[in-house]
Amino acid sequence: MKYAIIVSLILLFGCGIKSNNIAQREEDKVDTSKYSVATFGSGCFWCTEAVFELVKGVVKVESGYSGGSVPNPTYEAVCTGLTGHAEVVQVYYDSNLISYPQLLEIFWKTHDPTTLNRQGADVGTQYRSVIFYHDEEQKKLAEEYKKKLDDAKIWNDPIVTEISPFKKFYKAEDYHQNYYANNPYQGYCSFVITPKIEKLKKVFAEKLKER
């Protein structure tokens, strides 16, 4: 669905989306080796990226692809659903300022983890709810948190979030990076991401960066 929207916009406005002058952000200069990393997929990576970029303690977020079998996938290939990849974000964070369980809480409360291979109008395995854990501790914490939410029956349906070992992350094309920050008035951003961000600000105000 999102791919169809992009194609329609390109047909209407030319290559304006891809040629958008993306400003280099301070986070692009971050030495990620100094920080912890988490990998989450919760539908469209524009949405997930926009959420975690606002979180206090997060120093860098990159959109990309994980969980597939095809090396160096393109966005167009991933959108076919044939590569096996999910749209994900790599979240680099200072564990002294925010913990992995706190990131899990934000992850699960900012999307619907009960819909299999779908978030809203975005349908396909690339939009699946997924956590790729980087070590056994992350696996343990993710599985415990998932069980706690299921036991509490927060949602009417069971959580279908996949919890799998991290293998490889392929950074998405440049025009996908910082997409919401660079295109806040684009249709998908206005109608899908902005309401999600407003909800985030209400529910997690104390965990967000000062702007």
C-alpha atoms as a PDB file:
ATOM      1  CA  MET A   1       0.000   0.000   0.000  1.00  0.00           C
ATOM      2  CA  LYS A   2       2.712   2.480   1.007  1.00  0.00           C
ATOM      3  CA  TYR A   3       4.702   1.601  -2.109  1.00  0.00           C
ATOM      4  CA  ALA A   4       1.640   2.361  -4.235  1.00  0.00           C
ATOM      5  CA  ILE A   5       1.333   5.738  -2.518  1.00  0.00           C
ATOM      6  CA  ILE A   6       4.975   6.542  -3.266  1.00  0.00           C
ATOM      7  CA  VAL A   7       4.595   5.553  -6.910  1.00  0.00           C
ATOM      8  CA  SER A   8       1.490   7.725  -7.230  1.00  0.00           C
ATOM      9  CA  LEU A   9       3.260  10.701  -5.702  1.00  0.00           C
ATOM     10  CA  ILE A  10       6.259  10.278  -7.982  1.00  0.00           C
ATOM     11  CA  LEU A  11       3.954  10.133 -10.993  1.00  0.00           C
ATOM     12  CA  LEU A  12       2.212  13.290  -9.827  1.00  0.00           C
ATOM     13  CA  PHE A  13       5.186  15.298  -8.700  1.00  0.00           C
ATOM     14  CA  GLY A  14       8.173  13.770 -10.466  1.00  0.00           C
ATOM     15  CA  CYS A  15      11.114  12.713  -8.341  1.00  0.00           C
ATOM     16  CA  GLY A  16      10.566  15.333  -5.673  1.00  0.00           C
ATOM     17  CA  ILE A  17      10.463  12.773  -2.894  1.00  0.00           C
ATOM     18  CA  LYS A  18      13.792  11.179  -3.701  1.00  0.00           C
ATOM     19  CA  SER A  19      15.491  14.462  -4.530  1.00  0.00           C
ATOM     20  CA  ASN A  20      14.403  16.070  -1.285  1.00  0.00           C
ATOM     21  CA  ASN A  21      17.379  17.916   0.188  1.00  0.00           C
ATOM     22  CA  ILE A  22      17.906  15.815   3.299  1.00  0.00           C
ATOM     23  CA  ALA A  23      19.820  17.824   5.845  1.00  0.00           C
ATOM     24  CA  GLN A  24      22.710  16.023   7.518  1.00  0.00           C
ATOM     25  CA  ARG A  25      21.837  15.599  11.156  1.00  0.00           C
ATOM     26  CA  GLU A  26      24.141  15.462  14.135  1.00  0.00           C
ATOM     27  CA  GLU A  27      23.133  11.846  14.699  1.00  0.00           C
ATOM     28  CA  ASP A  28      24.741  10.907  11.380  1.00  0.00           C
ATOM     29  CA  LYS A  29      28.125  11.575  12.993  1.00  0.00           C
ATOM     30  CA  VAL A  30      27.483   9.351  16.009  1.00  0.00           C
ATOM     31  CA  ASP A  31      30.018   6.611  16.766  1.00  0.00           C
ATOM     32  CA  THR A  32      27.506   3.794  17.176  1.00  0.00           C
ATOM     33  CA  SER A  33      30.118   1.386  18.572  1.00  0.00           C
ATOM     34  CA  LYS A  34      29.812   3.195  21.910  1.00  0.00           C
ATOM     35  CA  TYR A  35      26.117   2.445  22.304  1.00  0.00           C
ATOM     36  CA  SER A  36      23.673  -0.418  22.704  1.00  0.00           C
ATOM     37  CA  VAL A  37      21.505  -1.391  19.735  1.00  0.00           C
ATOM     38  CA  ALA A  38      17.959  -2.674  19.324  1.00  0.00           C
ATOM     39  CA  THR A  39      16.184  -3.708  16.125  1.00  0.00           C
ATOM     40  CA  PHE A  40      12.416  -3.341  15.806  1.00  0.00           C
ATOM     41  CA  GLY A  41       9.858  -3.685  13.039  1.00  0.00           C
ATOM     42  CA  SER A  42       6.349  -2.336  13.589  1.00  0.00           C
ATOM     43  CA  GLY A  43       4.971  -1.694  10.133  1.00  0.00           C
ATOM     44  CA  CYS A  44       6.176   1.154   7.960  1.00  0.00           C
ATOM     45  CA  PHE A  45       9.702   2.103   9.002  1.00  0.00           C
ATOM     46  CA  TRP A  46       8.907   5.783   8.486  1.00  0.00           C
ATOM     47  CA  CYS A  47       6.538   5.464  11.465  1.00  0.00           C
ATOM     48  CA  THR A  48       8.868   3.442  13.656  1.00  0.00           C
ATOM     49  CA  GLU A  49      11.807   5.737  12.935  1.00  0.00           C
ATOM     50  CA  ALA A  50       9.759   8.846  13.746  1.00  0.00           C
ATOM     51  CA  VAL A  51       8.750   7.365  17.101  1.00  0.00           C
ATOM     52  CA  PHE A  52      12.191   6.342  18.334  1.00  0.00           C
ATOM     53  CA  GLU A  53      13.929   9.494  17.123  1.00  0.00           C
ATOM     54  CA  LEU A  54      11.977  11.364  19.805  1.00  0.00           C
ATOM     55  CA  VAL A  55      12.938   9.072  22.681  1.00  0.00           C
ATOM     56  CA  LYS A  56      15.325  10.347  25.340  1.00  0.00           C
ATOM     57  CA  GLY A  57      18.556   8.344  25.351  1.00  0.00           C
ATOM     58  CA  VAL A  58      18.274   7.321  21.704  1.00  0.00           C
ATOM     59  CA  VAL A  59      21.262   8.739  19.835  1.00  0.00           C
ATOM     60  CA  LYS A  60      20.625   7.435  16.324  1.00  0.00           C
ATOM     61  CA  VAL A  61      17.916   5.653  14.342  1.00  0.00           C
ATOM     62  CA  GLU A  62      18.373   4.089  10.905  1.00  0.00           C
ATOM     63  CA  SER A  63      15.651   2.662   8.678  1.00  0.00           C
ATOM     64  CA  GLY A  64      16.392  -0.546   6.814  1.00  0.00           C
ATOM     65  CA  TYR A  65      15.642  -4.190   6.177  1.00  0.00           C
ATOM     66  CA  SER A  66      16.218  -7.358   8.231  1.00  0.00           C
ATOM     67  CA  GLY A  67      15.052 -10.937   8.384  1.00  0.00           C
ATOM     68  CA  GLY A  68      15.202 -11.843   4.708  1.00  0.00           C
ATOM     69  CA  SER A  69      17.161 -14.193   2.487  1.00  0.00           C
ATOM     70  CA  VAL A  70      18.183 -11.872  -0.351  1.00  0.00           C
ATOM     71  CA  PRO A  71      21.424  -9.868   0.060  1.00  0.00           C
ATOM     72  CA  ASN A  72      21.395  -6.096  -0.463  1.00  0.00           C
ATOM     73  CA  PRO A  73      17.647  -5.788  -1.037  1.00  0.00           C
ATOM     74  CA  THR A  74      16.134  -2.665  -2.573  1.00  0.00           C
ATOM     75  CA  TYR A  75      12.961  -1.026  -1.315  1.00  0.00           C
ATOM     76  CA  GLU A  76      11.128  -2.105  -4.454  1.00  0.00           C
ATOM     77  CA  ALA A  77      12.221  -5.731  -3.950  1.00  0.00           C
ATOM     78  CA  VAL A  78      11.227  -5.753  -0.281  1.00  0.00           C
ATOM     79  CA  CYS A  79       7.800  -4.348  -1.188  1.00  0.00           C
ATOM     80  CA  THR A  80       7.086  -7.424  -3.313  1.00  0.00           C
ATOM     81  CA  GLY A  81       7.156  -9.499  -0.131  1.00  0.00           C
ATOM     82  CA  LEU A  82       9.390 -12.039  -1.846  1.00  0.00           C
ATOM     83  CA  THR A  83      12.710 -11.248  -0.132  1.00  0.00           C
ATOM     84  CA  GLY A  84      11.481 -12.150   3.356  1.00  0.00           C
ATOM     85  CA  HIS A  85      12.708  -8.884   4.850  1.00  0.00           C
ATOM     86  CA  ALA A  86      10.807  -6.723   7.284  1.00  0.00           C
ATOM     87  CA  GLU A  87      10.994  -2.945   7.341  1.00  0.00           C
ATOM     88  CA  VAL A  88      12.870  -2.250  10.581  1.00  0.00           C
ATOM     89  CA  VAL A  89      14.828   0.379  12.443  1.00  0.00           C
ATOM     90  CA  GLN A  90      18.176   0.083  14.160  1.00  0.00           C
ATOM     91  CA  VAL A  91      17.922   2.015  17.420  1.00  0.00           C
ATOM     92  CA  TYR A  92      21.242   3.052  18.966  1.00  0.00           C
ATOM     93  CA  TYR A  93      20.760   4.112  22.561  1.00  0.00           C
ATOM     94  CA  ASP A  94      22.563   5.054  25.751  1.00  0.00           C
ATOM     95  CA  SER A  95      21.622   2.337  28.224  1.00  0.00           C
ATOM     96  CA  ASN A  96      22.445   4.716  31.075  1.00  0.00           C
ATOM     97  CA  LEU A  97      19.530   6.901  29.984  1.00  0.00           C
ATOM     98  CA  ILE A  98      16.989   4.372  28.740  1.00  0.00           C
ATOM     99  CA  SER A  99      16.738   0.615  29.182  1.00  0.00           C
ATOM    100  CA  TYR A 100      15.854  -2.109  26.716  1.00  0.00           C
ATOM    101  CA  PRO A 101      12.593  -2.907  28.582  1.00  0.00           C
ATOM    102  CA  GLN A 102      11.614   0.762  28.284  1.00  0.00           C
ATOM    103  CA  LEU A 103      12.233   0.600  24.540  1.00  0.00           C
ATOM    104  CA  LEU A 104      10.109  -2.559  24.409  1.00  0.00           C
ATOM    105  CA  GLU A 105       7.280  -0.741  26.142  1.00  0.00           C
ATOM    106  CA  ILE A 106       7.390   2.057  23.575  1.00  0.00           C
ATOM    107  CA  PHE A 107       7.631  -0.455  20.730  1.00  0.00           C
ATOM    108  CA  TRP A 108       4.581  -2.447  21.786  1.00  0.00           C
ATOM    109  CA  LYS A 109       2.425   0.550  22.701  1.00  0.00           C
ATOM    110  CA  THR A 110       2.964   2.454  19.455  1.00  0.00           C
ATOM    111  CA  HIS A 111       1.633  -0.161  17.013  1.00  0.00           C
ATOM    112  CA  ASP A 112      -0.873  -3.015  16.899  1.00  0.00           C
ATOM    113  CA  PRO A 113       1.085  -6.218  17.607  1.00  0.00           C
ATOM    114  CA  THR A 114      -1.974  -8.429  17.101  1.00  0.00           C
ATOM    115  CA  THR A 115      -2.368  -8.015  13.340  1.00  0.00           C
ATOM    116  CA  LEU A 116      -0.345 -10.536  11.359  1.00  0.00           C
ATOM    117  CA  ASN A 117       1.717  -9.041   8.527  1.00  0.00           C
ATOM    118  CA  ARG A 118      -0.225  -5.799   8.588  1.00  0.00           C
ATOM    119  CA  GLN A 119      -0.348  -2.360  10.160  1.00  0.00           C
ATOM    120  CA  GLY A 120      -3.415  -0.407   9.125  1.00  0.00           C
ATOM    121  CA  ALA A 121      -3.551  -0.182   5.336  1.00  0.00           C
ATOM    122  CA  ASP A 122       0.030  -1.449   4.985  1.00  0.00           C
ATOM    123  CA  VAL A 123      -0.266  -5.156   4.224  1.00  0.00           C
ATOM    124  CA  GLY A 124       2.491  -7.699   3.612  1.00  0.00           C
ATOM    125  CA  THR A 125       5.151  -9.676   5.451  1.00  0.00           C
ATOM    126  CA  GLN A 126       7.470  -6.665   5.184  1.00  0.00           C
ATOM    127  CA  TYR A 127       5.166  -4.877   7.645  1.00  0.00           C
ATOM    128  CA  ARG A 128       5.178  -7.631  10.274  1.00  0.00           C
ATOM    129  CA  SER A 129       5.608  -6.896  13.948  1.00  0.00           C
ATOM    130  CA  VAL A 130       9.068  -8.172  14.823  1.00  0.00           C
ATOM    131  CA  ILE A 131      11.898  -7.897  17.320  1.00  0.00           C
ATOM    132  CA  PHE A 132      15.349  -9.014  16.224  1.00  0.00           C
ATOM    133  CA  TYR A 133      17.318  -9.636  19.409  1.00  0.00           C
ATOM    134  CA  HIS A 134      21.081  -9.065  19.518  1.00  0.00           C
ATOM    135  CA  ASP A 135      21.860 -11.285  22.503  1.00  0.00           C
ATOM    136  CA  GLU A 136      20.240 -13.757  24.872  1.00  0.00           C
ATOM    137  CA  GLU A 137      19.402 -11.026  27.376  1.00  0.00           C
ATOM    138  CA  GLN A 138      17.364  -9.115  24.780  1.00  0.00           C
ATOM    139  CA  LYS A 139      15.626 -12.361  23.806  1.00  0.00           C
ATOM    140  CA  LYS A 140      14.736 -13.113  27.434  1.00  0.00           C
ATOM    141  CA  LEU A 141      13.450  -9.590  28.082  1.00  0.00           C
ATOM    142  CA  ALA A 142      11.397  -9.506  24.883  1.00  0.00           C
ATOM    143  CA  GLU A 143       9.781 -12.894  25.530  1.00  0.00           C
ATOM    144  CA  GLU A 144       9.018 -12.005  29.159  1.00  0.00           C
ATOM    145  CA  TYR A 145       7.492  -8.671  28.189  1.00  0.00           C
ATOM    146  CA  LYS A 146       5.394 -10.269  25.450  1.00  0.00           C
ATOM    147  CA  LYS A 147       4.072 -12.876  27.892  1.00  0.00           C
ATOM    148  CA  LYS A 148       3.260 -10.186  30.447  1.00  0.00           C
ATOM    149  CA  LEU A 149       1.227  -8.256  27.882  1.00  0.00           C
ATOM    150  CA  ASP A 150      -0.577 -11.382  26.692  1.00  0.00           C
ATOM    151  CA  ASP A 151      -1.376 -12.426  30.268  1.00  0.00           C
ATOM    152  CA  ALA A 152      -2.732  -8.948  30.993  1.00  0.00           C
ATOM    153  CA  LYS A 153      -4.957  -9.187  27.901  1.00  0.00           C
ATOM    154  CA  ILE A 154      -4.132  -5.631  26.867  1.00  0.00           C
ATOM    155  CA  TRP A 155      -5.544  -6.462  23.437  1.00  0.00           C
ATOM    156  CA  ASN A 156      -8.516  -8.656  22.571  1.00  0.00           C
ATOM    157  CA  ASP A 157      -6.373 -10.787  20.268  1.00  0.00           C
ATOM    158  CA  PRO A 158      -3.046 -12.486  21.064  1.00  0.00           C
ATOM    159  CA  ILE A 159       0.236 -10.784  20.217  1.00  0.00           C
ATOM    160  CA  VAL A 160       1.779 -12.088  16.990  1.00  0.00           C
ATOM    161  CA  THR A 161       5.082 -10.228  17.274  1.00  0.00           C
ATOM    162  CA  GLU A 162       7.938 -12.346  15.930  1.00  0.00           C
ATOM    163  CA  ILE A 163      10.999 -12.593  18.194  1.00  0.00           C
ATOM    164  CA  SER A 164      13.991 -13.786  16.175  1.00  0.00           C
ATOM    165  CA  PRO A 165      17.798 -13.586  16.323  1.00  0.00           C
ATOM    166  CA  PHE A 166      19.359 -10.626  14.553  1.00  0.00           C
ATOM    167  CA  LYS A 167      21.446 -11.646  11.549  1.00  0.00           C
ATOM    168  CA  LYS A 168      21.908  -8.735   9.170  1.00  0.00           C
ATOM    169  CA  PHE A 169      20.717  -5.166   8.740  1.00  0.00           C
ATOM    170  CA  TYR A 170      20.658  -3.477   5.355  1.00  0.00           C
ATOM    171  CA  LYS A 171      20.319   0.276   5.580  1.00  0.00           C
ATOM    172  CA  ALA A 172      17.496   1.587   3.413  1.00  0.00           C
ATOM    173  CA  GLU A 173      17.964   4.085   0.621  1.00  0.00           C
ATOM    174  CA  ASP A 174      18.900   7.616   1.680  1.00  0.00           C
ATOM    175  CA  TYR A 175      15.503   9.110   0.900  1.00  0.00           C
ATOM    176  CA  HIS A 176      13.934   6.861   3.556  1.00  0.00           C
ATOM    177  CA  GLN A 177      16.191   8.159   6.339  1.00  0.00           C
ATOM    178  CA  ASN A 178      14.640  10.775   8.647  1.00  0.00           C
ATOM    179  CA  TYR A 179      11.620  10.583   6.364  1.00  0.00           C
ATOM    180  CA  TYR A 180       9.040  12.135   8.667  1.00  0.00           C
ATOM    181  CA  ALA A 181      11.380  14.918   9.766  1.00  0.00           C
ATOM    182  CA  ASN A 182      12.032  15.804   6.137  1.00  0.00           C
ATOM    183  CA  ASN A 183       8.491  15.313   4.812  1.00  0.00           C
ATOM    184  CA  PRO A 184       6.054  16.150   7.646  1.00  0.00           C
ATOM    185  CA  TYR A 185       3.327  17.360   5.288  1.00  0.00           C
ATOM    186  CA  GLN A 186       3.483  14.472   2.824  1.00  0.00           C
ATOM    187  CA  GLY A 187       0.103  12.696   2.768  1.00  0.00           C
ATOM    188  CA  TYR A 188       1.117   9.458   4.478  1.00  0.00           C
ATOM    189  CA  CYS A 189       3.018  11.391   7.131  1.00  0.00           C
ATOM    190  CA  SER A 190       0.111  13.733   7.863  1.00  0.00           C
ATOM    191  CA  PHE A 191      -2.561  11.063   8.073  1.00  0.00           C
ATOM    192  CA  VAL A 192      -0.652   8.133   9.588  1.00  0.00           C
ATOM    193  CA  ILE A 193       2.516   9.270  11.349  1.00  0.00           C
ATOM    194  CA  THR A 194       1.461  12.594  12.876  1.00  0.00           C
ATOM    195  CA  PRO A 195      -1.431  11.045  14.882  1.00  0.00           C
ATOM    196  CA  LYS A 196       0.960   8.334  16.105  1.00  0.00           C
ATOM    197  CA  ILE A 197       3.441  10.976  17.255  1.00  0.00           C
ATOM    198  CA  GLU A 198       0.722  12.949  19.042  1.00  0.00           C
ATOM    199  CA  LYS A 199      -0.285   9.798  20.915  1.00  0.00           C
ATOM    200  CA  LEU A 200       3.363   9.110  21.766  1.00  0.00           C
ATOM    201  CA  LYS A 201       3.719  12.585  23.262  1.00  0.00           C
ATOM    202  CA  LYS A 202       0.697  12.044  25.493  1.00  0.00           C
ATOM    203  CA  VAL A 203       1.558   8.544  26.698  1.00  0.00           C
ATOM    204  CA  PHE A 204       5.346   8.841  26.999  1.00  0.00           C
ATOM    205  CA  ALA A 205       5.903  12.546  27.640  1.00  0.00           C
ATOM    206  CA  GLU A 206       8.472  11.906  30.382  1.00  0.00           C
ATOM    207  CA  LYS A 207      10.539   9.630  28.121  1.00  0.00           C
ATOM    208  CA  LEU A 208      10.855  12.045  25.212  1.00  0.00           C
ATOM    209  CA  LYS A 209      13.599  14.484  24.332  1.00  0.00           C
ATOM    210  CA  GLU A 210      13.040  18.147  24.976  1.00  0.00           C
ATOM    211  CA  ARG A 211      12.408  19.945  21.704  1.00  0.00           C
END
